[in-house]
Protein backbone atom coordinates (compact mmCIF):
# COMPACT_ATOMS: atom_id res chain seq x y z
CA MET A 1 0.00 0.00 0.00
CA PRO A 2 1.71 3.27 -1.11
CA SER A 3 2.08 5.77 1.74
CA VAL A 4 1.66 9.49 1.15
CA ALA A 5 2.43 12.80 2.83
CA PHE A 6 -0.03 15.30 1.34
CA MET A 7 0.95 18.98 1.28
CA GLY A 8 -1.49 21.50 -0.12
CA SER A 9 -4.33 24.02 0.05
CA HIS A 10 -7.22 25.42 -2.03
CA PRO A 11 -10.42 23.60 -2.96
CA LEU A 12 -8.37 21.60 -5.45
CA GLY A 13 -6.24 20.28 -2.59
CA GLU A 14 -9.38 19.25 -0.71
CA ARG A 15 -10.81 17.40 -3.69
CA CYS A 16 -7.56 15.58 -4.45
CA LEU A 17 -7.20 14.55 -0.80
CA GLU A 18 -10.75 13.20 -0.86
CA LEU A 19 -9.97 11.14 -3.98
CA LEU A 20 -6.81 9.81 -2.37
CA THR A 21 -8.69 8.94 0.82
CA ASP A 22 -11.46 7.16 -1.07
CA ASP A 23 -8.89 4.93 -2.78
CA ASP A 24 -8.18 2.05 -0.37
CA ALA A 25 -4.82 1.44 -2.05
CA PHE A 26 -3.26 4.53 -0.41
CA ASP A 27 -2.33 5.35 3.16
CA VAL A 28 -2.24 9.10 3.88
CA GLU A 29 0.27 9.39 6.71
CA LEU A 30 0.17 13.18 7.19
CA VAL A 31 -1.42 16.32 5.74
CA VAL A 32 0.47 19.65 5.82
CA THR A 33 -1.44 22.85 5.08
CA TYR A 34 -2.51 26.29 6.30
CA GLY A 35 -3.80 26.53 9.84
CA PRO A 36 -7.59 26.55 10.29
CA ASP A 37 -7.53 30.17 11.50
CA GLU A 38 -5.31 31.56 8.73
CA GLU A 39 -6.99 33.99 6.37
CA THR A 40 -7.08 32.86 2.73
CA TRP A 41 -8.85 34.19 -0.35
CA TRP A 42 -10.40 30.87 -1.37
CA ASP A 43 -13.36 29.02 0.13
CA GLY A 44 -12.91 25.93 2.26
CA CYS A 45 -10.18 24.71 4.60
CA LEU A 46 -7.95 21.74 3.85
CA TYR A 47 -7.00 21.49 7.53
CA ASP A 48 -10.64 20.92 8.52
CA THR A 49 -11.19 18.55 5.59
CA ALA A 50 -8.14 16.47 6.56
CA GLU A 51 -9.33 16.21 10.16
CA SER A 52 -12.83 15.22 9.05
CA LEU A 53 -11.32 12.46 6.92
CA GLY A 54 -9.40 11.13 9.90
CA HIS A 55 -5.90 12.16 8.85
CA ALA A 56 -3.10 13.51 11.01
CA VAL A 57 -2.61 17.16 10.05
CA VAL A 58 -0.04 19.86 10.85
CA THR A 59 0.52 23.43 9.70
CA ARG A 60 3.25 24.56 7.31
CA GLU A 61 5.55 25.52 10.19
CA ASP A 62 5.86 21.82 11.00
CA GLU A 63 6.37 20.58 7.43
CA ARG A 64 9.62 18.86 8.43
CA ASP A 65 7.54 16.36 10.40
CA VAL A 66 7.30 14.60 7.04
CA LEU A 67 10.94 13.56 7.49
CA ASP A 68 9.95 11.38 10.46
CA LEU A 69 7.71 9.25 8.23
CA ASP A 70 8.51 6.38 5.88
CA ILE A 71 6.57 7.49 2.80
CA ASP A 72 6.46 6.49 -0.86
CA TYR A 73 5.13 9.82 -2.11
CA LEU A 74 5.31 13.45 -1.10
CA LEU A 75 2.32 14.91 -2.93
CA SER A 76 1.90 18.67 -3.37
CA VAL A 77 -1.31 20.36 -4.55
CA TYR A 78 -1.17 24.15 -4.23
CA TYR A 79 1.35 23.99 -1.42
CA PRO A 80 2.85 27.50 -1.11
CA ASN A 81 6.30 26.72 0.32
CA ILE A 82 9.29 25.94 -1.89
CA LEU A 83 10.57 22.60 -0.66
CA GLY A 84 14.25 21.97 -0.02
CA GLU A 85 16.22 19.02 -1.33
CA GLU A 86 16.01 17.13 1.96
CA LEU A 87 12.22 16.95 1.70
CA LEU A 88 12.28 16.28 -2.05
CA ASP A 89 14.73 13.40 -1.61
CA HIS A 90 12.79 11.85 1.28
CA PRO A 91 9.98 9.83 -0.39
CA ASN A 92 10.86 6.31 -1.52
CA VAL A 93 9.24 6.68 -4.95
CA ALA A 94 8.86 10.36 -5.86
CA PRO A 95 7.87 13.87 -4.80
CA LEU A 96 4.93 14.87 -7.01
CA ASN A 97 3.14 18.13 -7.74
CA LEU A 98 -0.12 18.98 -9.47
CA HIS A 99 0.64 22.31 -11.17
CA GLN A 100 -2.34 24.19 -12.61
CA ALA A 101 -0.55 25.27 -15.75
CA GLU A 102 1.04 23.75 -18.83
CA LEU A 103 4.63 22.68 -18.23
CA PRO A 104 7.17 23.48 -19.44
CA ARG A 105 5.38 26.48 -20.98
CA TYR A 106 4.26 28.19 -17.76
CA ARG A 107 6.27 27.95 -14.56
CA GLY A 108 5.68 30.04 -11.45
CA SER A 109 2.71 32.21 -10.39
CA ASN A 110 -0.10 34.28 -11.89
CA VAL A 111 -0.12 31.97 -14.88
CA PHE A 112 -3.87 32.22 -15.52
CA SER A 113 -3.47 35.94 -16.16
CA HIS A 114 -0.32 35.60 -18.25
CA ALA A 115 -1.79 32.83 -20.39
CA ILE A 116 -4.64 35.17 -21.40
CA LEU A 117 -2.21 38.05 -21.96
CA ASN A 118 -0.01 35.88 -24.19
CA ALA A 119 -2.67 33.87 -26.04
CA ARG A 120 -3.31 36.28 -28.91
CA GLU A 121 0.31 37.12 -29.74
CA ASP A 122 1.48 33.51 -29.34
CA ASP A 123 -1.65 32.12 -31.02
CA HIS A 124 -1.75 29.60 -28.19
CA TRP A 125 -5.39 29.20 -27.18
CA GLN A 126 -5.13 26.31 -24.74
CA TYR A 127 -4.34 26.14 -21.05
CA GLY A 128 -2.91 23.11 -19.29
CA THR A 129 -2.61 21.39 -15.96
CA THR A 130 0.42 19.19 -15.24
CA PHE A 131 1.24 16.29 -12.93
CA HIS A 132 5.00 16.22 -12.53
CA VAL A 133 7.92 15.04 -10.43
CA MET A 134 9.24 17.86 -8.26
CA ALA A 135 12.82 19.10 -8.61
CA PRO A 136 14.81 21.67 -6.59
CA GLU A 137 14.13 24.29 -9.29
CA VAL A 138 10.50 25.45 -9.15
CA ASP A 139 8.16 23.64 -11.58
CA ALA A 140 11.14 22.19 -13.49
CA GLY A 141 10.71 18.46 -12.86
CA ASP A 142 9.86 15.70 -15.33
CA VAL A 143 6.28 15.66 -16.65
CA VAL A 144 4.15 12.61 -15.81
CA ALA A 145 0.92 13.74 -17.51
CA ARG A 146 -0.85 16.83 -18.81
CA ALA A 147 -4.42 17.80 -19.69
CA PHE A 148 -5.82 20.87 -21.45
CA VAL A 149 -8.82 23.15 -21.78
CA PRO A 150 -9.34 25.86 -24.42
CA ILE A 151 -8.71 29.51 -23.61
CA ARG A 152 -11.87 31.27 -24.74
CA GLU A 153 -11.99 34.88 -25.89
CA SER A 154 -14.63 35.45 -23.21
CA ASP A 155 -12.51 33.93 -20.42
CA THR A 156 -11.35 35.89 -17.41
CA ALA A 157 -8.48 34.67 -15.27
CA ARG A 158 -11.04 33.49 -12.71
CA THR A 159 -13.28 31.59 -15.16
CA LEU A 160 -10.17 29.92 -16.58
CA TYR A 161 -9.05 29.00 -13.05
CA ASP A 162 -12.45 27.50 -12.24
CA ARG A 163 -12.56 25.45 -15.44
CA VAL A 164 -8.98 24.19 -15.13
CA THR A 165 -9.69 23.12 -11.55
CA GLU A 166 -12.22 20.63 -12.89
CA LYS A 167 -9.71 19.36 -15.46
CA SER A 168 -7.06 19.06 -12.72
CA VAL A 169 -9.33 16.88 -10.59
CA GLU A 170 -9.92 14.68 -13.63
CA LEU A 171 -6.16 14.44 -14.31
CA PHE A 172 -5.39 13.57 -10.69
CA ARG A 173 -8.04 10.83 -10.70
CA GLU A 174 -6.55 9.38 -13.89
CA GLN A 175 -3.07 9.27 -12.35
CA LEU A 176 -4.04 7.30 -9.23
CA PRO A 177 -3.35 3.95 -10.95
CA THR A 178 0.08 5.22 -12.03
CA MET A 179 0.86 6.13 -8.43
CA ARG A 180 -0.61 2.88 -7.16
CA GLU A 181 1.68 0.90 -9.47
CA LYS A 182 4.66 3.15 -8.59
CA ARG A 183 5.32 3.88 -12.28
CA VAL A 184 5.51 7.69 -12.14
CA ARG A 185 9.24 7.93 -12.78
CA GLU A 186 9.06 5.31 -15.53
CA LEU A 187 6.42 7.36 -17.37
CA ALA A 188 7.87 10.83 -16.70
CA THR A 189 9.27 12.91 -19.59
CA PRO A 190 12.05 15.51 -19.10
CA GLN A 191 10.87 19.04 -19.85
CA SER A 192 13.77 19.42 -22.29
CA GLU A 193 11.90 17.12 -24.69
CA PHE A 194 8.96 19.52 -25.11
CA ASP A 195 8.80 22.25 -27.75
CA GLY A 196 7.25 25.71 -27.52
CA GLU A 197 7.60 28.98 -25.66
CA ARG A 198 8.70 28.95 -22.01
CA TYR A 199 7.78 31.51 -19.38
CA PHE A 200 8.49 31.91 -15.69
CA TYR A 201 6.50 34.41 -13.60
CA THR A 202 7.00 35.42 -9.97
CA LYS A 203 4.26 36.30 -7.50
CA GLN A 204 5.12 39.96 -8.16
CA SER A 205 4.81 39.65 -11.94
CA LEU A 206 1.57 41.68 -12.10
CA ASP A 207 2.68 44.46 -9.75
CA GLY A 208 2.31 47.83 -11.47
CA GLU A 209 0.42 46.27 -14.40
CA LYS A 210 -3.14 47.02 -13.34
CA GLU A 211 -3.58 50.68 -14.29
CA ILE A 212 -4.80 51.29 -17.84
CA PRO A 213 -4.42 54.93 -18.97
CA THR A 214 -7.59 56.60 -20.21
CA GLU A 215 -5.99 57.28 -23.60
CA ARG A 216 -5.61 53.55 -24.16
CA LEU A 217 -9.26 53.03 -23.25
CA ALA A 218 -10.21 55.69 -25.81
CA ALA A 219 -8.04 54.24 -28.59
CA THR A 220 -9.91 53.45 -31.80
CA ASP A 221 -7.48 51.07 -33.48
CA GLU A 222 -8.39 47.42 -33.13
CA ALA A 223 -4.93 46.28 -31.97
CA THR A 224 -5.01 48.57 -28.92
CA GLN A 225 -8.64 47.74 -28.19
CA LEU A 226 -7.85 44.03 -28.18
CA GLU A 227 -4.81 44.55 -25.94
CA VAL A 228 -6.96 46.49 -23.45
CA TYR A 229 -9.75 43.92 -23.67
CA ASP A 230 -7.32 41.06 -23.01
CA LYS A 231 -5.71 42.89 -20.11
CA ILE A 232 -9.06 43.55 -18.43
CA ARG A 233 -9.96 39.86 -18.75
CA ALA A 234 -6.53 38.71 -17.60
CA LEU A 235 -6.67 40.82 -14.43
CA ASP A 236 -10.23 39.90 -13.50
CA PHE A 237 -9.79 37.37 -10.70
CA PRO A 238 -12.15 38.01 -7.76
CA PRO A 239 -11.56 38.70 -4.92
CA PHE A 240 -8.36 40.48 -6.06
CA GLN A 241 -8.33 44.03 -7.35
CA PRO A 242 -8.93 44.12 -11.11
CA ALA A 243 -7.53 46.47 -13.75
CA TYR A 244 -8.48 50.12 -13.32
CA THR A 245 -8.19 53.59 -14.76
CA THR A 246 -8.30 56.95 -12.97
CA LEU A 247 -10.93 59.61 -13.72
CA GLY A 248 -11.30 62.85 -11.80
CA GLY A 249 -9.12 61.57 -8.99
CA HIS A 250 -11.19 58.42 -8.60
CA ARG A 251 -10.16 54.89 -9.38
CA VAL A 252 -12.56 53.23 -11.83
CA GLN A 253 -12.32 49.46 -11.74
CA LEU A 254 -12.47 47.65 -15.06
CA THR A 255 -13.93 44.18 -14.75
CA ALA A 256 -15.05 41.51 -17.14
CA THR A 257 -17.61 40.02 -14.78
CA SER A 258 -20.83 41.34 -16.34
CA TYR A 259 -20.47 42.42 -19.96
CA GLU A 260 -22.67 44.13 -22.48
CA ASP A 261 -20.84 44.27 -25.82
CA LEU A 262 -17.65 45.88 -27.12
CA PHE A 263 -16.49 43.95 -30.17
CA GLU A 264 -19.77 42.59 -31.55
CA ASP A 265 -20.23 39.31 -29.59
CA ALA A 266 -17.22 39.83 -27.29
CA PRO A 267 -17.77 40.94 -23.65
CA VAL A 268 -16.85 44.43 -22.45
CA PRO A 269 -16.10 45.72 -18.95
CA ASP A 270 -18.43 46.92 -16.26
CA PHE A 271 -17.29 50.10 -14.48
CA GLU A 272 -17.17 50.36 -10.70
CA VAL A 273 -15.99 53.60 -9.10
CA ASP A 274 -13.76 53.42 -6.02
CA ALA A 275 -11.85 56.03 -4.10
CA PRO A 276 -8.09 55.82 -4.77
CA GLU A 277 -6.29 53.18 -2.77
CA GLU A 278 -3.09 51.18 -2.87
CA SER A 279 -3.04 48.44 -5.49
CA THR A 280 -3.26 44.89 -4.20
CA PRO A 281 -1.06 42.46 -6.16
CA LEU A 282 -2.73 39.51 -7.82
CA ALA A 283 -1.14 36.21 -6.89
CA GLN A 284 -3.23 33.22 -7.86
CA ASP A 285 -1.51 30.54 -5.85
């Protein structure tokens, strides 16, 4: 029976832990996550879910407790800490991560936004989720499996996130037999064998990118209009602050949540007026 230390967060982490728990072939030795009283932007609490499922659970400060366990897999699903080599080398079979982006194309953070921002210029209208072996370099390990959804011209970063979450659950479910049979390393492909563009984005990659000058909003050429349209969609990820412009000393938020029409059948932004305030960075993980 493969033994697992599960490290994660987000609703996706809860759903993957539930799938792992429901599979009698696995023994979840420990869950590591945010504390139950920590403030997070997403709904749900993996700590409470783990306890309700009967698992031992600790907070991120005690992640090294994993080293006291004899485990086959260290499994990460939206775990925020970068793991050192001692933890990565500890499992008998492999350290694994479910990364909600296409590898090796998109490493790092804020990838939902950047995928929308890059889609038109790159003519790359699909978004992936990747199950991979972890390596010391972030999101650089060998790829076990990938799955994709289309990037729609009506997508916001949040709608893309929600849709990819469903695809990620499906991918994780499909990989349980591979884990059960301990074949993940046998089936893994080095990222060097994949073609295509490669991007790496930090959690600060959208800092200073949210303000759209009024002259760009008023532009009449289609290229600028499409750039503005894509930026508004890419920065629309509730509950984080969206794109905005400034009119009469007031910040006007530009969201893609409820659209009328801008380019024929394409959505256009709603306008919400706020008093000026400091920008809140968007970090989607």
